[in-house]
Every structure is written in structure tokens, then in C-alpha cells.
Amino acid sequence: MDRGKTLSRRKMLAFAGAALVGAAARPALAAAPSILYFRRLALYNVNTGESYTSIFWANDYYIPQALRSLNWALRDFHTNTTHPIDPRLLDLLVALQQKLDIDEPFLLTSGYRTPETNARLVAEGAAVNSLHMRGQAADISLRGRTLSQLHMAALSLRGGGVGYYPAHSFIHVDVGPVRTWGGGASSYVATATPSAPAPTTAPAASAMPQQTSAPSQVLVVRGGQHPTRDTIAVKPVPLKSGGFLLN
């Protein structure tokens, strides 16, 4: 047999082997699709009538475009002043949604406040050094849950401060030290030491939908492990990628 025929035969055997390996690998890949964990937050600003929905975190990274969108959603509406909202506050709100098993938007009464706005509200019970001025607090309510249910769920997370304001139909949540009060600065009650929001673990493998489709498909799952209070990772994601819907 000459050298040219030997090489051709070797090539043919190599291609055949590659095809067999590919055929054997396809069922295994189909059984383990790529998984995208994400966190989405929906807000309705009761002062401006504006609605916002943003996927702000996916697979261990915060999405800068979505964070900017939520900075605007939680702005001081009195002056349209924005401030970077602490991503831990967004995580806390998502954890609260998951705790209550809801998908509806939070009714936002107050997010970021400028020092001037906060000073005007001190007479109504706002703290002089309110965490609203740091982008670390929000006053919220829900249509689908009572204020008491929302309050108890927030307390159970132990993600920071929780204030209860039934006369004004909202609760206050923040990512400062764990503490609670019943409706004003004078009723402030400190509790325990600061702790992180309760982690939300990924669903168990047995609970995930069974996939028999092509390996290129992505299984999308809400949630994902919440980061520590001290770790914030931001990863740029081009809007042209089509990876996320931001609005």
C-alpha cells in the first residue's frame, strides 16, 4: 500500500472516531443544559406613577446598565436626584419577594433622599442620619400581601433595619445593622449584630425541570446564591448581546 492511501485511511478512521465520540456525548450534554441564575426586581413608584422592571444580577455578576436604571427608579423624586443604590438593598428586596413567594412589583414610597429632603422629613419621624441618604434604604408595600405579612417577612430575613409604619401604609427596610422599630425614631430598638440577608440557594438538581432538548438551550432559574455583605462584583454586559432584557 502506498503512502498516500495510508494517510487517507488514517484520516477516514479519525473522522469516524470523532463522529462516534460526538454521538456518545450528545445525550449527556442534553441532560445538563447551561443554567442562567438571575435576579429581577420590579418597582412601582407611587409618587411618580412610574414602573420599572430590571434584571440586575446574573450568574454572580451585577449588570451596570440595570443598576443605573434602578438608581433612577429609586431617585429622590422631589429633585430628580439620583445616587448609587447599594446592590445589597436590591438583593434584600429580591430575597423578600422570594420569602413571600410573589412576583408583583413593590410599591415604592421612598428610596434615595437628598440631605435636604431628609431634613424636611425629620419632623415626620425620619432619622437625622437616615440610610436613605446613602442609597441603602427603601419604604415599600405590596398590593398582594398585608403590611403585617410584609413586616414579618422582612423581620425574618434579618438583613438590616426594619421599621413598621401602619399609619402610612409602608414598612422601611435597609441594609444597616439589624434592628427594628415600630413607627418613629423615638421607638428605635436595637437588636443583635449585623448579618447578611438569608442566602437563597440554587434549586436542588432533582427539583429542576428535566431537559431533553439540544445542549445549546439555557435553563433560566430565578434566584442564585446571594453574595456576602462585603463582596460586590460588577460585570459589563453589552445590550447588543441580547443576554438580558432591561427596561
C-alpha atoms as a PDB file:
ATOM      1  CA  MET A   1       0.000   0.000   0.000  1.00  0.00           C
ATOM      2  CA  ASP A   2       1.433   3.393  -0.927  1.00  0.00           C
ATOM      3  CA  ARG A   3       1.877   6.293   1.481  1.00  0.00           C
ATOM      4  CA  GLY A   4      -0.961   8.401   0.049  1.00  0.00           C
ATOM      5  CA  LYS A   5      -3.544   5.664   0.547  1.00  0.00           C
ATOM      6  CA  THR A   6      -2.299   5.041   4.105  1.00  0.00           C
ATOM      7  CA  LEU A   7      -2.804   8.719   5.022  1.00  0.00           C
ATOM      8  CA  SER A   8      -6.282   8.762   3.510  1.00  0.00           C
ATOM      9  CA  ARG A   9      -7.270   5.703   5.513  1.00  0.00           C
ATOM     10  CA  ARG A  10      -5.927   7.223   8.726  1.00  0.00           C
ATOM     11  CA  LYS A  11      -7.918  10.399   8.103  1.00  0.00           C
ATOM     12  CA  MET A  12     -11.079   8.409   7.488  1.00  0.00           C
ATOM     13  CA  LEU A  13     -10.646   6.449  10.715  1.00  0.00           C
ATOM     14  CA  ALA A  14     -10.006   9.683  12.652  1.00  0.00           C
ATOM     15  CA  PHE A  15     -13.212  11.257  11.315  1.00  0.00           C
ATOM     16  CA  ALA A  16     -15.196   8.127  12.133  1.00  0.00           C
ATOM     17  CA  GLY A  17     -13.828   8.117  15.686  1.00  0.00           C
ATOM     18  CA  ALA A  18     -14.713  11.779  16.143  1.00  0.00           C
ATOM     19  CA  ALA A  19     -18.262  11.139  14.948  1.00  0.00           C
ATOM     20  CA  LEU A  20     -18.705   8.277  17.438  1.00  0.00           C
ATOM     21  CA  VAL A  21     -17.405  10.411  20.306  1.00  0.00           C
ATOM     22  CA  GLY A  22     -19.760  13.232  19.324  1.00  0.00           C
ATOM     23  CA  ALA A  23     -22.738  10.902  19.142  1.00  0.00           C
ATOM     24  CA  ALA A  24     -21.934   9.464  22.561  1.00  0.00           C
ATOM     25  CA  ALA A  25     -21.528  12.903  24.093  1.00  0.00           C
ATOM     26  CA  ARG A  26     -24.771  14.411  22.799  1.00  0.00           C
ATOM     27  CA  PRO A  27     -27.192  12.661  25.217  1.00  0.00           C
ATOM     28  CA  ALA A  28     -25.028  13.645  28.213  1.00  0.00           C
ATOM     29  CA  LEU A  29     -24.897  17.282  27.126  1.00  0.00           C
ATOM     30  CA  ALA A  30     -28.626  17.361  26.514  1.00  0.00           C
ATOM     31  CA  ALA A  31     -29.220  16.172  30.080  1.00  0.00           C
ATOM     32  CA  ALA A  32     -27.151  19.037  31.515  1.00  0.00           C
ATOM     33  CA  PRO A  33     -28.138  22.346  29.853  1.00  0.00           C
ATOM     34  CA  SER A  34     -26.484  25.619  30.689  1.00  0.00           C
ATOM     35  CA  ILE A  35     -28.128  27.326  33.659  1.00  0.00           C
ATOM     36  CA  LEU A  36     -28.662  31.061  33.999  1.00  0.00           C
ATOM     37  CA  TYR A  37     -29.439  32.252  37.513  1.00  0.00           C
ATOM     38  CA  PHE A  38     -30.821  35.767  37.683  1.00  0.00           C
ATOM     39  CA  ARG A  39     -32.418  38.315  39.990  1.00  0.00           C
ATOM     40  CA  ARG A  40     -35.143  40.610  38.758  1.00  0.00           C
ATOM     41  CA  LEU A  41     -36.695  43.493  40.653  1.00  0.00           C
ATOM     42  CA  ALA A  42     -39.984  45.208  39.822  1.00  0.00           C
ATOM     43  CA  LEU A  43     -40.960  48.553  41.363  1.00  0.00           C
ATOM     44  CA  TYR A  44     -43.902  50.928  41.066  1.00  0.00           C
ATOM     45  CA  ASN A  45     -43.177  54.460  42.303  1.00  0.00           C
ATOM     46  CA  VAL A  46     -46.380  55.657  43.962  1.00  0.00           C
ATOM     47  CA  ASN A  47     -45.198  59.275  43.801  1.00  0.00           C
ATOM     48  CA  THR A  48     -44.494  59.432  40.064  1.00  0.00           C
ATOM     49  CA  GLY A  49     -46.649  56.606  38.689  1.00  0.00           C
ATOM     50  CA  GLU A  50     -43.602  55.056  37.008  1.00  0.00           C
ATOM     51  CA  SER A  51     -42.982  51.318  36.709  1.00  0.00           C
ATOM     52  CA  TYR A  52     -39.594  49.626  36.450  1.00  0.00           C
ATOM     53  CA  THR A  53     -38.518  46.037  35.899  1.00  0.00           C
ATOM     54  CA  SER A  54     -34.839  45.141  35.663  1.00  0.00           C
ATOM     55  CA  ILE A  55     -32.753  42.003  35.708  1.00  0.00           C
ATOM     56  CA  PHE A  56     -29.851  43.462  37.672  1.00  0.00           C
ATOM     57  CA  TRP A  57     -27.819  40.350  38.517  1.00  0.00           C
ATOM     58  CA  ALA A  58     -26.989  37.162  36.621  1.00  0.00           C
ATOM     59  CA  ASN A  59     -24.613  34.299  37.396  1.00  0.00           C
ATOM     60  CA  ASP A  60     -22.593  36.070  40.113  1.00  0.00           C
ATOM     61  CA  TYR A  61     -22.400  39.499  38.474  1.00  0.00           C
ATOM     62  CA  TYR A  62     -24.319  42.751  38.809  1.00  0.00           C
ATOM     63  CA  ILE A  63     -25.248  44.360  35.496  1.00  0.00           C
ATOM     64  CA  PRO A  64     -24.192  48.031  35.347  1.00  0.00           C
ATOM     65  CA  GLN A  65     -26.934  49.103  32.920  1.00  0.00           C
ATOM     66  CA  ALA A  66     -29.628  47.658  35.197  1.00  0.00           C
ATOM     67  CA  LEU A  67     -28.079  49.207  38.311  1.00  0.00           C
ATOM     68  CA  ARG A  68     -28.244  52.615  36.633  1.00  0.00           C
ATOM     69  CA  SER A  69     -31.872  52.011  35.744  1.00  0.00           C
ATOM     70  CA  LEU A  70     -32.692  51.172  39.351  1.00  0.00           C
ATOM     71  CA  ASN A  71     -30.719  54.183  40.603  1.00  0.00           C
ATOM     72  CA  TRP A  72     -33.202  56.281  38.633  1.00  0.00           C
ATOM     73  CA  ALA A  73     -36.198  54.246  39.826  1.00  0.00           C
ATOM     74  CA  LEU A  74     -35.208  54.875  43.468  1.00  0.00           C
ATOM     75  CA  ARG A  75     -34.189  58.519  42.954  1.00  0.00           C
ATOM     76  CA  ASP A  76     -35.269  61.436  45.136  1.00  0.00           C
ATOM     77  CA  PHE A  77     -38.344  62.351  43.113  1.00  0.00           C
ATOM     78  CA  HIS A  78     -38.568  65.794  44.737  1.00  0.00           C
ATOM     79  CA  THR A  79     -35.456  66.940  42.861  1.00  0.00           C
ATOM     80  CA  ASN A  80     -34.911  64.037  40.419  1.00  0.00           C
ATOM     81  CA  THR A  81     -31.536  63.460  42.063  1.00  0.00           C
ATOM     82  CA  THR A  82     -30.001  60.014  41.679  1.00  0.00           C
ATOM     83  CA  HIS A  83     -27.477  58.258  43.897  1.00  0.00           C
ATOM     84  CA  PRO A  84     -25.864  54.805  43.606  1.00  0.00           C
ATOM     85  CA  ILE A  85     -28.212  52.348  45.281  1.00  0.00           C
ATOM     86  CA  ASP A  86     -26.394  49.746  47.346  1.00  0.00           C
ATOM     87  CA  PRO A  87     -26.818  46.427  45.461  1.00  0.00           C
ATOM     88  CA  ARG A  88     -27.292  44.715  48.815  1.00  0.00           C
ATOM     89  CA  LEU A  89     -30.586  46.602  49.160  1.00  0.00           C
ATOM     90  CA  LEU A  90     -31.706  45.251  45.782  1.00  0.00           C
ATOM     91  CA  ASP A  91     -30.703  41.746  46.904  1.00  0.00           C
ATOM     92  CA  LEU A  92     -32.681  42.206  50.099  1.00  0.00           C
ATOM     93  CA  LEU A  93     -35.796  43.204  48.163  1.00  0.00           C
ATOM     94  CA  VAL A  94     -35.456  40.163  45.910  1.00  0.00           C
ATOM     95  CA  ALA A  95     -34.989  37.922  48.959  1.00  0.00           C
ATOM     96  CA  LEU A  96     -38.172  39.469  50.387  1.00  0.00           C
ATOM     97  CA  GLN A  97     -40.058  38.669  47.178  1.00  0.00           C
ATOM     98  CA  GLN A  98     -38.860  35.079  47.359  1.00  0.00           C
ATOM     99  CA  LYS A  99     -39.769  34.823  51.032  1.00  0.00           C
ATOM    100  CA  LEU A 100     -43.332  35.925  50.262  1.00  0.00           C
ATOM    101  CA  ASP A 101     -43.496  33.876  47.045  1.00  0.00           C
ATOM    102  CA  ILE A 102     -44.637  36.846  44.959  1.00  0.00           C
ATOM    103  CA  ASP A 103     -43.751  38.258  41.568  1.00  0.00           C
ATOM    104  CA  GLU A 104     -45.598  41.580  41.747  1.00  0.00           C
ATOM    105  CA  PRO A 105     -43.848  44.967  41.953  1.00  0.00           C
ATOM    106  CA  PHE A 106     -43.097  46.628  45.256  1.00  0.00           C
ATOM    107  CA  LEU A 107     -44.972  49.877  45.796  1.00  0.00           C
ATOM    108  CA  LEU A 108     -42.126  52.313  46.452  1.00  0.00           C
ATOM    109  CA  THR A 109     -42.846  55.272  48.723  1.00  0.00           C
ATOM    110  CA  SER A 110     -39.270  56.433  49.247  1.00  0.00           C
ATOM    111  CA  GLY A 111     -35.836  55.350  48.051  1.00  0.00           C
ATOM    112  CA  TYR A 112     -32.842  57.671  47.955  1.00  0.00           C
ATOM    113  CA  ARG A 113     -33.245  61.040  49.700  1.00  0.00           C
ATOM    114  CA  THR A 114     -31.021  64.064  49.390  1.00  0.00           C
ATOM    115  CA  PRO A 115     -29.918  65.564  52.731  1.00  0.00           C
ATOM    116  CA  GLU A 116     -32.294  68.488  52.061  1.00  0.00           C
ATOM    117  CA  THR A 117     -35.290  66.198  51.510  1.00  0.00           C
ATOM    118  CA  ASN A 118     -34.429  64.133  54.563  1.00  0.00           C
ATOM    119  CA  ALA A 119     -34.114  67.261  56.712  1.00  0.00           C
ATOM    120  CA  ARG A 120     -37.682  68.244  55.781  1.00  0.00           C
ATOM    121  CA  LEU A 121     -38.921  64.776  56.795  1.00  0.00           C
ATOM    122  CA  VAL A 122     -37.214  64.698  60.197  1.00  0.00           C
ATOM    123  CA  ALA A 123     -40.259  66.402  61.725  1.00  0.00           C
ATOM    124  CA  GLU A 124     -42.379  63.493  60.459  1.00  0.00           C
ATOM    125  CA  GLY A 125     -40.163  60.886  62.125  1.00  0.00           C
ATOM    126  CA  ALA A 126     -37.293  60.408  59.661  1.00  0.00           C
ATOM    127  CA  ALA A 127     -33.896  59.727  61.225  1.00  0.00           C
ATOM    128  CA  VAL A 128     -31.411  62.597  61.060  1.00  0.00           C
ATOM    129  CA  ASN A 129     -28.746  60.253  59.672  1.00  0.00           C
ATOM    130  CA  SER A 130     -31.143  58.144  57.636  1.00  0.00           C
ATOM    131  CA  LEU A 131     -29.707  55.402  55.443  1.00  0.00           C
ATOM    132  CA  HIS A 132     -31.997  56.714  52.696  1.00  0.00           C
ATOM    133  CA  MET A 133     -29.309  59.363  52.135  1.00  0.00           C
ATOM    134  CA  ARG A 134     -26.779  56.598  51.363  1.00  0.00           C
ATOM    135  CA  GLY A 135     -28.987  54.680  48.940  1.00  0.00           C
ATOM    136  CA  GLN A 136     -29.298  51.872  51.483  1.00  0.00           C
ATOM    137  CA  ALA A 137     -32.980  52.050  52.425  1.00  0.00           C
ATOM    138  CA  ALA A 138     -36.440  51.861  50.887  1.00  0.00           C
ATOM    139  CA  ASP A 139     -40.011  52.350  52.122  1.00  0.00           C
ATOM    140  CA  ILE A 140     -42.269  49.769  50.489  1.00  0.00           C
ATOM    141  CA  SER A 141     -45.606  47.982  50.479  1.00  0.00           C
ATOM    142  CA  LEU A 142     -47.401  45.380  48.354  1.00  0.00           C
ATOM    143  CA  ARG A 143     -50.882  45.017  46.913  1.00  0.00           C
ATOM    144  CA  GLY A 144     -50.947  41.244  47.233  1.00  0.00           C
ATOM    145  CA  ARG A 145     -49.807  40.969  50.869  1.00  0.00           C
ATOM    146  CA  THR A 146     -50.881  42.745  54.022  1.00  0.00           C
ATOM    147  CA  LEU A 147     -48.487  45.191  55.620  1.00  0.00           C
ATOM    148  CA  SER A 148     -48.228  42.848  58.602  1.00  0.00           C
ATOM    149  CA  GLN A 149     -47.207  39.929  56.354  1.00  0.00           C
ATOM    150  CA  LEU A 150     -44.600  42.088  54.640  1.00  0.00           C
ATOM    151  CA  HIS A 151     -43.291  43.292  58.009  1.00  0.00           C
ATOM    152  CA  MET A 152     -42.967  39.786  59.449  1.00  0.00           C
ATOM    153  CA  ALA A 153     -41.202  38.517  56.312  1.00  0.00           C
ATOM    154  CA  ALA A 154     -38.707  41.394  56.457  1.00  0.00           C
ATOM    155  CA  LEU A 155     -38.001  40.710  60.133  1.00  0.00           C
ATOM    156  CA  SER A 156     -37.389  37.031  59.430  1.00  0.00           C
ATOM    157  CA  LEU A 157     -34.663  37.820  56.862  1.00  0.00           C
ATOM    158  CA  ARG A 158     -32.585  39.757  59.410  1.00  0.00           C
ATOM    159  CA  GLY A 159     -30.969  41.660  56.561  1.00  0.00           C
ATOM    160  CA  GLY A 160     -30.811  45.049  58.317  1.00  0.00           C
ATOM    161  CA  GLY A 161     -33.210  47.581  59.792  1.00  0.00           C
ATOM    162  CA  VAL A 162     -36.986  47.123  59.608  1.00  0.00           C
ATOM    163  CA  GLY A 163     -39.440  49.885  60.525  1.00  0.00           C
ATOM    164  CA  TYR A 164     -43.224  49.408  60.739  1.00  0.00           C
ATOM    165  CA  TYR A 165     -45.437  52.350  59.721  1.00  0.00           C
ATOM    166  CA  PRO A 166     -49.065  51.156  59.519  1.00  0.00           C
ATOM    167  CA  ALA A 167     -50.382  54.729  59.735  1.00  0.00           C
ATOM    168  CA  HIS A 168     -48.567  55.487  56.470  1.00  0.00           C
ATOM    169  CA  SER A 169     -49.116  52.029  54.894  1.00  0.00           C
ATOM    170  CA  PHE A 170     -45.470  51.085  54.374  1.00  0.00           C
ATOM    171  CA  ILE A 171     -42.522  49.391  56.013  1.00  0.00           C
ATOM    172  CA  HIS A 172     -38.925  50.592  55.964  1.00  0.00           C
ATOM    173  CA  VAL A 173     -36.109  48.193  55.090  1.00  0.00           C
ATOM    174  CA  ASP A 174     -32.395  48.921  54.963  1.00  0.00           C
ATOM    175  CA  VAL A 175     -29.035  47.128  54.907  1.00  0.00           C
ATOM    176  CA  GLY A 176     -27.639  48.726  58.046  1.00  0.00           C
ATOM    177  CA  PRO A 177     -27.302  46.971  61.419  1.00  0.00           C
ATOM    178  CA  VAL A 178     -30.087  44.529  62.278  1.00  0.00           C
ATOM    179  CA  ARG A 179     -32.672  46.443  64.317  1.00  0.00           C
ATOM    180  CA  THR A 180     -36.408  47.128  64.422  1.00  0.00           C
ATOM    181  CA  TRP A 181     -38.750  49.925  65.439  1.00  0.00           C
ATOM    182  CA  GLY A 182     -42.469  50.487  65.419  1.00  0.00           C
ATOM    183  CA  GLY A 183     -43.163  53.772  63.710  1.00  0.00           C
ATOM    184  CA  GLY A 184     -40.689  56.520  64.509  1.00  0.00           C
ATOM    185  CA  ALA A 185     -37.185  57.342  65.637  1.00  0.00           C
ATOM    186  CA  SER A 186     -38.304  57.514  69.268  1.00  0.00           C
ATOM    187  CA  SER A 187     -39.301  53.842  69.216  1.00  0.00           C
ATOM    188  CA  TYR A 188     -35.965  52.642  67.861  1.00  0.00           C
ATOM    189  CA  VAL A 189     -34.993  49.276  69.327  1.00  0.00           C
ATOM    190  CA  ALA A 190     -31.556  47.817  68.546  1.00  0.00           C
ATOM    191  CA  THR A 191     -31.225  44.063  68.159  1.00  0.00           C
ATOM    192  CA  ALA A 192     -28.324  41.669  67.675  1.00  0.00           C
ATOM    193  CA  THR A 193     -25.347  42.235  65.432  1.00  0.00           C
ATOM    194  CA  PRO A 194     -25.464  42.941  61.708  1.00  0.00           C
ATOM    195  CA  SER A 195     -25.942  39.950  59.486  1.00  0.00           C
ATOM    196  CA  ALA A 196     -26.329  39.298  55.790  1.00  0.00           C
ATOM    197  CA  PRO A 197     -29.652  38.620  54.048  1.00  0.00           C
ATOM    198  CA  ALA A 198     -30.556  34.959  54.240  1.00  0.00           C
ATOM    199  CA  PRO A 199     -28.859  33.227  51.303  1.00  0.00           C
ATOM    200  CA  THR A 200     -31.035  31.905  48.544  1.00  0.00           C
ATOM    201  CA  THR A 201     -29.542  28.666  47.344  1.00  0.00           C
ATOM    202  CA  ALA A 202     -29.965  27.273  43.889  1.00  0.00           C
ATOM    203  CA  PRO A 203     -32.774  24.726  43.457  1.00  0.00           C
ATOM    204  CA  ALA A 204     -31.795  21.127  44.028  1.00  0.00           C
ATOM    205  CA  ALA A 205     -30.992  19.212  40.884  1.00  0.00           C
ATOM    206  CA  SER A 206     -33.963  16.910  41.434  1.00  0.00           C
ATOM    207  CA  ALA A 207     -36.308  19.927  41.523  1.00  0.00           C
ATOM    208  CA  MET A 208     -35.161  21.329  38.193  1.00  0.00           C
ATOM    209  CA  PRO A 209     -37.186  20.650  35.042  1.00  0.00           C
ATOM    210  CA  GLN A 210     -35.896  17.713  33.031  1.00  0.00           C
ATOM    211  CA  GLN A 211     -34.348  18.826  29.751  1.00  0.00           C
ATOM    212  CA  THR A 212     -34.272  16.653  26.627  1.00  0.00           C
ATOM    213  CA  SER A 213     -33.554  19.450  24.157  1.00  0.00           C
ATOM    214  CA  ALA A 214     -30.344  20.418  22.399  1.00  0.00           C
ATOM    215  CA  PRO A 215     -27.348  21.350  24.567  1.00  0.00           C
ATOM    216  CA  SER A 216     -27.410  24.921  23.252  1.00  0.00           C
ATOM    217  CA  GLN A 217     -30.543  25.694  25.279  1.00  0.00           C
ATOM    218  CA  VAL A 218     -30.364  27.544  28.590  1.00  0.00           C
ATOM    219  CA  LEU A 219     -32.347  26.717  31.706  1.00  0.00           C
ATOM    220  CA  VAL A 220     -33.354  30.009  33.342  1.00  0.00           C
ATOM    221  CA  VAL A 221     -33.802  29.896  37.120  1.00  0.00           C
ATOM    222  CA  ARG A 222     -34.686  32.783  39.417  1.00  0.00           C
ATOM    223  CA  GLY A 223     -32.506  33.177  42.478  1.00  0.00           C
ATOM    224  CA  GLY A 224     -28.906  32.206  42.972  1.00  0.00           C
ATOM    225  CA  GLN A 225     -26.594  32.423  45.940  1.00  0.00           C
ATOM    226  CA  HIS A 226     -26.624  35.871  47.498  1.00  0.00           C
ATOM    227  CA  PRO A 227     -23.183  37.440  47.969  1.00  0.00           C
ATOM    228  CA  THR A 228     -21.701  38.416  51.300  1.00  0.00           C
ATOM    229  CA  ARG A 229     -22.302  41.936  52.587  1.00  0.00           C
ATOM    230  CA  ASP A 230     -18.726  42.876  51.666  1.00  0.00           C
ATOM    231  CA  THR A 231     -18.475  41.447  48.156  1.00  0.00           C
ATOM    232  CA  ILE A 232     -19.991  43.158  45.135  1.00  0.00           C
ATOM    233  CA  ALA A 233     -18.943  42.036  41.649  1.00  0.00           C
ATOM    234  CA  VAL A 234     -19.948  44.068  38.623  1.00  0.00           C
ATOM    235  CA  LYS A 235     -19.596  42.776  35.085  1.00  0.00           C
ATOM    236  CA  PRO A 236     -20.422  44.860  31.986  1.00  0.00           C
ATOM    237  CA  VAL A 237     -22.933  43.163  29.718  1.00  0.00           C
ATOM    238  CA  PRO A 238     -23.434  44.791  26.277  1.00  0.00           C
ATOM    239  CA  LEU A 239     -27.089  45.390  25.472  1.00  0.00           C
ATOM    240  CA  LYS A 240     -26.399  44.174  21.919  1.00  0.00           C
ATOM    241  CA  SER A 241     -25.651  40.727  23.259  1.00  0.00           C
ATOM    242  CA  GLY A 242     -29.338  40.012  23.753  1.00  0.00           C
ATOM    243  CA  GLY A 243     -28.429  38.289  27.015  1.00  0.00           C
ATOM    244  CA  PHE A 244     -30.785  40.311  29.178  1.00  0.00           C
ATOM    245  CA  LEU A 245     -33.919  42.371  28.859  1.00  0.00           C
ATOM    246  CA  LEU A 246     -33.555  45.666  30.691  1.00  0.00           C
ATOM    247  CA  ASN A 247     -36.280  48.280  30.977  1.00  0.00           C
END
